[in-house]
C-alpha cells in the first residue's frame, strides 16, 4: 500500500496543504474588500446618524460620536494590519473599498472619508511607485507573476513524487 509509507503520506499532506492554501488566498482576497467596504459603510452610517441627531437629540449624538470614535480606532488598527499583510511577499489581493449591492451610493456624497482610508491610498501609491522605479531602473518592465518553482518550501519534498503518488492512487481506485 503506497499511501501507508510515511514519505508518501507526508507528500500527500504537503500537496493538499498547498492546494487548500491557494483556495484560502482566493477567499481572503474577496474578504479583504468586503471588510473594507463594511468599515467604510459603517463610517458613512455613523456620520449621517451623528449629523441627524446633533440638534434633535444632543446626548444621543454625543453617545453615537463616542462609539464612532471607538469603532474608528479599531478600524484603523485593522487597516494597518491589512497594509502590513499587503507588503508580504506573494500577496495577491487588493486593498480597495467596494460598493455593497443594494446600497445607495449617494449616501456617501459630501461625507469626508475616514482617516484610515488614507493608509490604503498611501499603500497603493507605494506599490505603483515601486513598480515604476523597478521598470525605470532596469529599463525593462518587471512582471509580478510568480513561478511556482521559485516558491520557497519548508519541507523538502520532490514534487515528482507527489505527482507519481497521486497518479498511483487514482489508478488504484479504478481497479
N, C-alpha and C. Protein backbone atom coordinates (compact mmCIF):
# COMPACT_ATOMS: atom_id res chain seq x y z
N UNK A 1 0.84 -1.17 0.00
CA UNK A 1 0.00 0.00 0.00
C UNK A 1 0.89 1.24 0.00
N UNK A 2 0.94 1.92 -1.14
CA UNK A 2 1.85 3.07 -1.24
C UNK A 2 1.48 4.23 -0.30
N UNK A 3 0.20 4.40 -0.01
CA UNK A 3 -0.19 5.53 0.83
C UNK A 3 0.23 5.33 2.28
N UNK A 4 0.57 4.12 2.66
CA UNK A 4 0.96 3.84 4.04
C UNK A 4 2.40 4.24 4.34
N UNK A 5 3.20 4.44 3.32
CA UNK A 5 4.60 4.83 3.55
C UNK A 5 4.64 6.28 4.06
N UNK A 6 5.44 6.54 5.08
CA UNK A 6 5.50 7.89 5.67
C UNK A 6 5.83 8.99 4.66
N UNK A 7 6.76 8.74 3.75
CA UNK A 7 7.13 9.79 2.79
C UNK A 7 5.96 10.10 1.86
N UNK A 8 5.17 9.11 1.50
CA UNK A 8 4.02 9.34 0.63
C UNK A 8 2.92 10.09 1.37
N UNK A 9 2.71 9.74 2.63
CA UNK A 9 1.71 10.46 3.43
C UNK A 9 2.12 11.92 3.60
N UNK A 10 3.41 12.13 3.86
CA UNK A 10 3.92 13.49 4.02
C UNK A 10 3.76 14.28 2.72
N UNK A 11 4.06 13.64 1.60
CA UNK A 11 3.93 14.31 0.30
C UNK A 11 2.47 14.64 0.01
N UNK A 12 1.58 13.72 0.33
CA UNK A 12 0.15 13.97 0.10
C UNK A 12 -0.34 15.09 0.99
N UNK A 13 0.07 15.08 2.24
CA UNK A 13 -0.33 16.15 3.17
C UNK A 13 0.18 17.49 2.68
N UNK A 14 1.41 17.53 2.21
CA UNK A 14 2.00 18.75 1.69
C UNK A 14 1.24 19.24 0.46
N UNK A 15 0.96 18.32 -0.46
CA UNK A 15 0.24 18.67 -1.69
C UNK A 15 -1.13 19.28 -1.38
N UNK A 16 -1.91 18.61 -0.53
CA UNK A 16 -3.24 19.11 -0.22
C UNK A 16 -3.20 20.38 0.65
N UNK A 17 -2.14 20.51 1.44
CA UNK A 17 -1.96 21.75 2.19
C UNK A 17 -1.76 22.95 1.28
N UNK A 18 -0.95 22.77 0.24
CA UNK A 18 -0.73 23.83 -0.74
C UNK A 18 -2.02 24.14 -1.49
N UNK A 19 -2.72 23.10 -1.88
CA UNK A 19 -3.98 23.28 -2.61
C UNK A 19 -4.98 24.06 -1.76
N UNK A 20 -5.10 23.72 -0.49
CA UNK A 20 -6.03 24.42 0.41
C UNK A 20 -5.58 25.85 0.65
N UNK A 21 -4.29 26.07 0.76
CA UNK A 21 -3.77 27.43 0.97
C UNK A 21 -4.12 28.34 -0.21
N UNK A 22 -4.03 27.80 -1.42
CA UNK A 22 -4.37 28.59 -2.61
C UNK A 22 -5.85 28.95 -2.61
N UNK A 23 -6.70 28.01 -2.21
CA UNK A 23 -8.14 28.29 -2.11
C UNK A 23 -8.40 29.37 -1.07
N UNK A 24 -7.68 29.31 0.04
CA UNK A 24 -7.85 30.29 1.11
C UNK A 24 -7.39 31.68 0.66
N UNK A 25 -6.34 31.75 -0.12
CA UNK A 25 -5.86 33.04 -0.64
C UNK A 25 -6.94 33.68 -1.50
N UNK A 26 -7.55 32.91 -2.37
CA UNK A 26 -8.62 33.44 -3.23
C UNK A 26 -9.77 33.97 -2.37
N UNK A 27 -10.15 33.20 -1.35
CA UNK A 27 -11.25 33.62 -0.47
C UNK A 27 -10.89 34.89 0.29
N UNK A 28 -9.67 34.96 0.79
CA UNK A 28 -9.25 36.14 1.56
C UNK A 28 -9.17 37.39 0.68
N UNK A 29 -8.80 37.23 -0.58
CA UNK A 29 -8.76 38.38 -1.48
C UNK A 29 -10.14 39.01 -1.59
N UNK A 30 -11.18 38.20 -1.59
CA UNK A 30 -12.55 38.71 -1.63
C UNK A 30 -12.92 39.32 -0.28
N UNK A 31 -12.56 38.65 0.81
CA UNK A 31 -12.93 39.11 2.14
C UNK A 31 -12.27 40.44 2.51
N UNK A 32 -11.07 40.69 2.01
CA UNK A 32 -10.39 41.95 2.31
C UNK A 32 -11.23 43.12 1.79
N UNK A 33 -11.70 43.02 0.57
CA UNK A 33 -12.54 44.09 0.01
C UNK A 33 -13.85 44.19 0.77
N UNK A 34 -14.41 43.06 1.16
CA UNK A 34 -15.68 43.09 1.91
C UNK A 34 -15.54 43.78 3.26
N UNK A 35 -14.47 43.48 3.99
CA UNK A 35 -14.30 44.10 5.32
C UNK A 35 -14.05 45.60 5.16
N UNK A 36 -13.27 46.00 4.17
CA UNK A 36 -13.03 47.43 3.96
C UNK A 36 -14.32 48.15 3.55
N UNK A 37 -15.13 47.50 2.73
CA UNK A 37 -16.41 48.08 2.32
C UNK A 37 -17.33 48.23 3.53
N UNK A 38 -17.40 47.19 4.37
CA UNK A 38 -18.22 47.25 5.58
C UNK A 38 -17.76 48.38 6.49
N UNK A 39 -16.45 48.52 6.67
CA UNK A 39 -15.92 49.57 7.54
C UNK A 39 -16.26 50.95 6.97
N UNK A 40 -16.15 51.11 5.67
CA UNK A 40 -16.47 52.39 5.04
C UNK A 40 -17.96 52.71 5.18
N UNK A 41 -18.82 51.71 4.94
CA UNK A 41 -20.27 51.92 5.08
C UNK A 41 -20.64 52.27 6.52
N UNK A 42 -19.97 51.64 7.48
CA UNK A 42 -20.22 51.95 8.89
C UNK A 42 -19.83 53.40 9.18
N UNK A 43 -18.72 53.84 8.63
CA UNK A 43 -18.28 55.23 8.79
C UNK A 43 -19.37 56.19 8.27
N UNK A 44 -19.89 55.90 7.10
CA UNK A 44 -20.94 56.74 6.49
C UNK A 44 -22.18 56.75 7.38
N UNK A 45 -22.58 55.58 7.86
CA UNK A 45 -23.78 55.47 8.69
C UNK A 45 -23.64 56.25 10.00
N UNK A 46 -22.48 56.14 10.65
CA UNK A 46 -22.24 56.90 11.89
C UNK A 46 -22.25 58.39 11.60
N UNK A 47 -21.58 58.80 10.56
CA UNK A 47 -21.52 60.23 10.21
C UNK A 47 -22.93 60.79 10.02
N UNK A 48 -23.73 60.09 9.24
CA UNK A 48 -25.09 60.55 8.97
C UNK A 48 -25.95 60.55 10.24
N UNK A 49 -25.79 59.55 11.09
CA UNK A 49 -26.57 59.48 12.33
C UNK A 49 -26.20 60.61 13.28
N UNK A 50 -24.91 60.88 13.43
CA UNK A 50 -24.48 61.97 14.32
C UNK A 50 -24.99 63.30 13.79
N UNK A 51 -24.87 63.53 12.48
CA UNK A 51 -25.36 64.78 11.89
C UNK A 51 -26.87 64.93 12.09
N UNK A 52 -27.60 63.84 12.00
CA UNK A 52 -29.06 63.88 12.14
C UNK A 52 -29.48 64.25 13.57
N UNK A 53 -28.79 63.67 14.56
CA UNK A 53 -29.22 63.86 15.95
C UNK A 53 -28.49 64.96 16.71
N UNK A 54 -27.55 65.64 16.09
CA UNK A 54 -26.79 66.67 16.80
C UNK A 54 -27.70 67.80 17.31
N UNK A 55 -28.74 68.12 16.59
CA UNK A 55 -29.67 69.17 17.02
C UNK A 55 -30.90 68.55 17.69
N UNK A 56 -31.39 67.46 17.12
CA UNK A 56 -32.60 66.79 17.60
C UNK A 56 -32.42 66.18 18.99
N UNK A 57 -31.32 65.48 19.21
CA UNK A 57 -31.07 64.77 20.47
C UNK A 57 -29.57 64.77 20.75
N UNK A 58 -29.04 65.88 21.29
CA UNK A 58 -27.59 66.01 21.50
C UNK A 58 -26.96 64.88 22.35
N UNK A 59 -27.62 64.41 23.44
CA UNK A 59 -26.98 63.31 24.18
C UNK A 59 -26.82 62.03 23.32
N UNK A 60 -27.81 61.74 22.49
CA UNK A 60 -27.71 60.58 21.61
C UNK A 60 -26.59 60.81 20.59
N UNK A 61 -26.52 62.01 20.04
CA UNK A 61 -25.46 62.33 19.07
C UNK A 61 -24.08 62.18 19.72
N UNK A 62 -23.97 62.62 20.98
CA UNK A 62 -22.70 62.50 21.69
C UNK A 62 -22.32 61.03 21.91
N UNK A 63 -23.28 60.24 22.32
CA UNK A 63 -23.05 58.81 22.53
C UNK A 63 -22.65 58.11 21.22
N UNK A 64 -23.37 58.42 20.14
CA UNK A 64 -23.03 57.85 18.83
C UNK A 64 -21.63 58.27 18.39
N UNK A 65 -21.30 59.52 18.67
CA UNK A 65 -19.99 60.04 18.29
C UNK A 65 -18.87 59.29 19.03
N UNK A 66 -19.08 59.02 20.31
CA UNK A 66 -18.08 58.27 21.09
C UNK A 66 -17.92 56.84 20.57
N UNK A 67 -19.05 56.20 20.26
CA UNK A 67 -18.99 54.84 19.71
C UNK A 67 -18.29 54.86 18.35
N UNK A 68 -18.57 55.88 17.57
CA UNK A 68 -17.95 56.03 16.26
C UNK A 68 -16.44 56.17 16.39
N UNK A 69 -15.99 57.01 17.32
CA UNK A 69 -14.55 57.20 17.53
C UNK A 69 -13.89 55.89 17.95
N UNK A 70 -14.56 55.15 18.84
CA UNK A 70 -14.04 53.86 19.28
C UNK A 70 -13.93 52.90 18.09
N UNK A 71 -14.99 52.80 17.30
CA UNK A 71 -15.00 51.91 16.14
C UNK A 71 -13.95 52.34 15.12
N UNK A 72 -13.77 53.64 14.98
CA UNK A 72 -12.79 54.16 14.03
C UNK A 72 -11.36 53.77 14.43
N UNK A 73 -11.08 53.77 15.74
CA UNK A 73 -9.75 53.35 16.21
C UNK A 73 -9.53 51.87 15.91
N UNK A 74 -10.57 51.05 16.09
CA UNK A 74 -10.47 49.63 15.77
C UNK A 74 -10.24 49.46 14.27
N UNK A 75 -11.00 50.18 13.47
CA UNK A 75 -10.86 50.10 12.01
C UNK A 75 -9.47 50.51 11.56
N UNK A 76 -8.92 51.52 12.19
CA UNK A 76 -7.56 51.95 11.82
C UNK A 76 -6.56 50.83 12.11
N UNK A 77 -6.73 50.16 13.23
CA UNK A 77 -5.85 49.05 13.57
C UNK A 77 -5.97 47.91 12.55
N UNK A 78 -7.19 47.61 12.13
CA UNK A 78 -7.43 46.57 11.13
C UNK A 78 -6.76 46.95 9.81
N UNK A 79 -6.92 48.19 9.40
CA UNK A 79 -6.34 48.65 8.14
C UNK A 79 -4.82 48.59 8.20
N UNK A 80 -4.24 48.99 9.34
CA UNK A 80 -2.78 48.91 9.48
C UNK A 80 -2.29 47.46 9.31
N UNK A 81 -3.02 46.51 9.89
CA UNK A 81 -2.65 45.09 9.75
C UNK A 81 -2.80 44.63 8.30
N UNK A 82 -3.85 45.08 7.63
CA UNK A 82 -4.04 44.72 6.22
C UNK A 82 -2.94 45.31 5.34
N UNK A 83 -2.53 46.53 5.64
CA UNK A 83 -1.45 47.16 4.88
C UNK A 83 -0.15 46.37 5.11
N UNK A 84 0.12 45.97 6.36
CA UNK A 84 1.30 45.15 6.64
C UNK A 84 1.24 43.84 5.86
N UNK A 85 0.07 43.21 5.87
CA UNK A 85 -0.08 41.94 5.15
C UNK A 85 0.10 42.14 3.65
N UNK A 86 -0.33 43.27 3.13
CA UNK A 86 -0.22 43.52 1.70
C UNK A 86 1.22 43.70 1.26
N UNK A 87 2.11 43.97 2.19
CA UNK A 87 3.51 44.15 1.85
C UNK A 87 4.30 42.85 1.91
N UNK A 88 3.64 41.76 2.31
CA UNK A 88 4.30 40.47 2.36
C UNK A 88 4.52 39.93 0.95
N UNK A 89 5.60 39.18 0.80
CA UNK A 89 5.90 38.57 -0.49
C UNK A 89 4.79 37.61 -0.85
N UNK A 90 4.32 37.68 -2.09
CA UNK A 90 3.29 36.77 -2.55
C UNK A 90 1.87 37.27 -2.35
N UNK A 91 1.69 38.45 -1.77
CA UNK A 91 0.34 38.98 -1.57
C UNK A 91 -0.29 39.24 -2.94
N UNK A 92 -1.49 38.71 -3.15
CA UNK A 92 -2.14 38.84 -4.45
C UNK A 92 -3.44 39.63 -4.38
N UNK A 93 -3.81 40.08 -3.20
CA UNK A 93 -5.07 40.80 -3.03
C UNK A 93 -4.95 42.25 -3.43
N UNK A 94 -6.00 42.97 -3.16
CA UNK A 94 -6.03 44.39 -3.48
C UNK A 94 -6.73 45.11 -2.33
N UNK A 95 -6.09 46.13 -1.80
CA UNK A 95 -6.70 46.91 -0.74
C UNK A 95 -7.59 47.97 -1.39
N UNK A 96 -8.88 47.66 -1.45
CA UNK A 96 -9.81 48.61 -2.07
C UNK A 96 -11.16 48.51 -1.39
N UNK A 97 -11.87 49.62 -1.43
CA UNK A 97 -13.22 49.68 -0.87
C UNK A 97 -14.19 49.47 -2.02
N UNK A 98 -15.07 48.52 -1.85
CA UNK A 98 -16.05 48.22 -2.89
C UNK A 98 -17.36 48.95 -2.63
N UNK A 99 -18.40 48.50 -3.27
CA UNK A 99 -19.73 49.05 -3.00
C UNK A 99 -20.70 47.89 -2.83
N UNK A 100 -21.47 47.97 -1.77
CA UNK A 100 -22.39 46.89 -1.44
C UNK A 100 -23.59 46.92 -2.38
N UNK A 101 -23.99 45.78 -2.86
CA UNK A 101 -25.14 45.68 -3.75
C UNK A 101 -26.39 46.11 -2.98
N UNK A 102 -27.16 46.98 -3.59
CA UNK A 102 -28.40 47.45 -2.97
C UNK A 102 -28.23 48.67 -2.09
N UNK A 103 -27.00 49.11 -1.85
CA UNK A 103 -26.78 50.30 -1.02
C UNK A 103 -26.72 51.52 -1.92
N UNK A 104 -27.44 52.55 -1.51
CA UNK A 104 -27.49 53.80 -2.26
C UNK A 104 -26.12 54.48 -2.21
N UNK A 105 -25.48 54.63 -3.36
CA UNK A 105 -24.14 55.23 -3.40
C UNK A 105 -24.17 56.73 -3.10
N UNK A 106 -25.33 57.35 -3.23
CA UNK A 106 -25.41 58.79 -2.94
C UNK A 106 -25.32 59.08 -1.45
N UNK A 107 -25.44 58.07 -0.60
CA UNK A 107 -25.34 58.27 0.85
C UNK A 107 -23.98 58.83 1.24
N UNK A 108 -22.95 58.51 0.48
CA UNK A 108 -21.61 58.95 0.84
C UNK A 108 -21.23 60.30 0.24
N UNK A 109 -22.08 60.86 -0.59
CA UNK A 109 -21.71 62.14 -1.21
C UNK A 109 -21.68 63.25 -0.16
N UNK A 110 -20.61 64.03 -0.21
CA UNK A 110 -20.44 65.14 0.71
C UNK A 110 -19.89 64.73 2.07
N UNK A 111 -19.61 63.46 2.28
CA UNK A 111 -19.10 62.98 3.56
C UNK A 111 -17.60 62.71 3.41
N UNK A 112 -16.79 63.30 4.29
CA UNK A 112 -15.35 63.07 4.17
C UNK A 112 -15.02 61.61 4.47
N UNK A 113 -14.02 61.06 3.78
CA UNK A 113 -13.65 59.67 4.04
C UNK A 113 -13.04 59.53 5.43
N UNK A 114 -13.06 58.34 5.98
CA UNK A 114 -12.43 58.14 7.30
C UNK A 114 -10.92 58.33 7.19
N UNK A 115 -10.30 58.71 8.30
CA UNK A 115 -8.86 58.98 8.25
C UNK A 115 -8.05 57.72 7.93
N UNK A 116 -8.55 56.53 8.26
CA UNK A 116 -7.83 55.30 7.95
C UNK A 116 -7.80 55.01 6.45
N UNK A 117 -8.68 55.64 5.69
CA UNK A 117 -8.69 55.43 4.23
C UNK A 117 -7.40 55.97 3.59
N UNK A 118 -6.78 56.96 4.23
CA UNK A 118 -5.52 57.49 3.69
C UNK A 118 -4.41 56.46 3.77
N UNK A 119 -4.50 55.53 4.75
CA UNK A 119 -3.50 54.47 4.84
C UNK A 119 -3.57 53.56 3.63
N UNK A 120 -4.78 53.31 3.14
CA UNK A 120 -4.97 52.47 1.96
C UNK A 120 -4.46 53.19 0.73
N UNK A 121 -4.79 54.48 0.62
CA UNK A 121 -4.35 55.27 -0.54
C UNK A 121 -2.84 55.36 -0.59
N UNK A 122 -2.20 55.59 0.56
CA UNK A 122 -0.74 55.70 0.56
C UNK A 122 -0.10 54.36 0.21
N UNK A 123 -0.74 53.24 0.59
CA UNK A 123 -0.22 51.92 0.24
C UNK A 123 -0.26 51.71 -1.27
N UNK A 124 -1.36 52.11 -1.93
CA UNK A 124 -1.41 51.92 -3.38
C UNK A 124 -0.41 52.82 -4.09
N UNK A 125 -0.12 53.98 -3.52
CA UNK A 125 0.88 54.85 -4.14
C UNK A 125 2.27 54.23 -3.98
N UNK A 126 2.54 53.60 -2.85
CA UNK A 126 3.83 52.96 -2.64
C UNK A 126 4.01 51.84 -3.66
N UNK A 127 2.99 51.03 -3.85
CA UNK A 127 3.07 49.93 -4.81
C UNK A 127 3.36 50.43 -6.21
N UNK A 128 2.62 51.47 -6.65
CA UNK A 128 2.81 51.93 -8.02
C UNK A 128 4.17 52.60 -8.18
N UNK A 129 4.64 53.31 -7.16
CA UNK A 129 5.96 53.92 -7.24
C UNK A 129 7.05 52.85 -7.33
N UNK A 130 6.89 51.79 -6.58
CA UNK A 130 7.87 50.71 -6.58
C UNK A 130 7.92 50.05 -7.95
N UNK A 131 6.77 49.83 -8.54
CA UNK A 131 6.72 49.19 -9.85
C UNK A 131 7.39 50.08 -10.90
N UNK A 132 7.11 51.38 -10.84
CA UNK A 132 7.69 52.31 -11.81
C UNK A 132 9.20 52.38 -11.63
N UNK A 133 9.68 52.45 -10.37
CA UNK A 133 11.12 52.57 -10.16
C UNK A 133 11.85 51.30 -10.62
N UNK A 134 11.24 50.13 -10.45
CA UNK A 134 11.86 48.90 -10.93
C UNK A 134 11.94 48.90 -12.45
N UNK A 135 10.89 49.37 -13.08
CA UNK A 135 10.88 49.39 -14.54
C UNK A 135 11.91 50.40 -15.06
N UNK A 136 12.03 51.54 -14.41
CA UNK A 136 12.96 52.56 -14.87
C UNK A 136 14.41 52.18 -14.59
N UNK A 137 14.65 51.54 -13.45
CA UNK A 137 16.00 51.19 -13.06
C UNK A 137 16.64 50.18 -14.02
N UNK A 138 15.88 49.21 -14.43
CA UNK A 138 16.41 48.17 -15.31
C UNK A 138 16.16 48.47 -16.78
N UNK A 139 15.30 49.42 -17.05
CA UNK A 139 14.97 49.73 -18.42
C UNK A 139 14.01 48.73 -19.05
N UNK A 140 13.54 47.80 -18.24
CA UNK A 140 12.63 46.77 -18.72
C UNK A 140 11.45 46.70 -17.77
N UNK A 141 10.29 46.40 -18.31
CA UNK A 141 9.13 46.27 -17.44
C UNK A 141 9.24 44.98 -16.65
N UNK A 142 8.95 45.06 -15.35
CA UNK A 142 9.10 43.91 -14.47
C UNK A 142 7.73 43.27 -14.27
N UNK A 143 7.65 41.97 -14.51
CA UNK A 143 6.40 41.23 -14.28
C UNK A 143 6.31 40.80 -12.83
N UNK A 144 5.10 40.76 -12.32
CA UNK A 144 4.92 40.38 -10.94
C UNK A 144 4.43 38.95 -10.78
N UNK A 145 4.37 38.19 -11.87
CA UNK A 145 3.92 36.80 -11.78
C UNK A 145 4.97 35.99 -11.05
N UNK A 146 4.51 35.02 -10.30
CA UNK A 146 5.40 34.19 -9.51
C UNK A 146 5.47 32.80 -10.14
N UNK A 147 6.69 32.34 -10.37
CA UNK A 147 6.89 30.99 -10.87
C UNK A 147 6.81 30.04 -9.68
N UNK A 148 5.97 29.01 -9.78
CA UNK A 148 5.78 28.10 -8.66
C UNK A 148 7.06 27.42 -8.22
N UNK A 149 8.02 27.23 -9.13
CA UNK A 149 9.28 26.60 -8.76
C UNK A 149 10.14 27.50 -7.89
N UNK A 150 9.84 28.81 -7.87
CA UNK A 150 10.61 29.75 -7.07
C UNK A 150 10.04 29.93 -5.67
N UNK A 151 8.91 29.31 -5.39
CA UNK A 151 8.30 29.44 -4.07
C UNK A 151 9.12 28.64 -3.08
N UNK A 152 9.59 29.29 -1.99
CA UNK A 152 10.37 28.54 -1.02
C UNK A 152 9.50 27.51 -0.32
N UNK A 153 10.03 26.35 -0.09
CA UNK A 153 9.28 25.29 0.55
C UNK A 153 9.92 24.97 1.90
N UNK A 154 9.08 24.77 2.90
CA UNK A 154 9.59 24.44 4.22
C UNK A 154 9.99 22.98 4.31
N UNK A 155 9.27 22.12 3.58
CA UNK A 155 9.56 20.69 3.60
C UNK A 155 10.17 20.34 2.25
N UNK A 156 11.28 19.65 2.27
CA UNK A 156 11.92 19.26 1.02
C UNK A 156 11.27 17.98 0.50
N UNK A 157 10.29 18.15 -0.35
CA UNK A 157 9.57 17.02 -0.94
C UNK A 157 9.69 17.14 -2.45
N UNK A 158 10.04 16.06 -3.08
CA UNK A 158 10.14 16.03 -4.53
C UNK A 158 8.73 16.11 -5.12
N UNK A 159 8.46 17.15 -5.91
CA UNK A 159 7.12 17.30 -6.49
C UNK A 159 6.80 16.17 -7.45
N UNK A 160 7.82 15.58 -8.07
CA UNK A 160 7.60 14.44 -8.95
C UNK A 160 7.02 13.26 -8.17
N UNK A 161 7.47 13.11 -6.92
CA UNK A 161 6.95 12.06 -6.06
C UNK A 161 5.46 12.27 -5.78
N UNK A 162 5.08 13.52 -5.58
CA UNK A 162 3.67 13.84 -5.33
C UNK A 162 2.84 13.46 -6.54
N UNK A 163 3.31 13.83 -7.73
CA UNK A 163 2.58 13.51 -8.95
C UNK A 163 2.46 12.00 -9.12
N UNK A 164 3.55 11.28 -8.91
CA UNK A 164 3.52 9.82 -9.03
C UNK A 164 2.52 9.21 -8.04
N UNK A 165 2.56 9.71 -6.82
CA UNK A 165 1.67 9.19 -5.79
C UNK A 165 0.21 9.42 -6.15
N UNK A 166 -0.12 10.62 -6.59
CA UNK A 166 -1.49 10.94 -6.97
C UNK A 166 -1.93 10.06 -8.14
N UNK A 167 -1.03 9.88 -9.12
CA UNK A 167 -1.36 9.02 -10.26
C UNK A 167 -1.59 7.59 -9.82
N UNK A 168 -0.75 7.07 -8.94
CA UNK A 168 -0.92 5.70 -8.44
C UNK A 168 -2.22 5.55 -7.68
N UNK A 169 -2.53 6.53 -6.86
CA UNK A 169 -3.77 6.45 -6.08
C UNK A 169 -4.99 6.51 -6.99
N UNK A 170 -4.92 7.35 -8.03
CA UNK A 170 -6.08 7.45 -8.92
C UNK A 170 -6.26 6.20 -9.75
N UNK A 171 -5.14 5.54 -10.16
CA UNK A 171 -5.28 4.31 -10.94
C UNK A 171 -5.65 3.14 -10.05
N UNK A 172 -5.25 3.14 -8.79
CA UNK A 172 -5.61 2.03 -7.90
C UNK A 172 -7.09 2.08 -7.54
N UNK A 173 -7.70 3.25 -7.58
CA UNK A 173 -9.14 3.38 -7.32
C UNK A 173 -9.96 2.85 -8.48
N UNK A 174 -9.40 2.92 -9.69
CA UNK A 174 -10.13 2.49 -10.88
C UNK A 174 -10.22 0.97 -10.98
N UNK A 175 -9.25 0.27 -10.37
CA UNK A 175 -9.24 -1.20 -10.49
C UNK A 175 -10.04 -1.87 -9.43
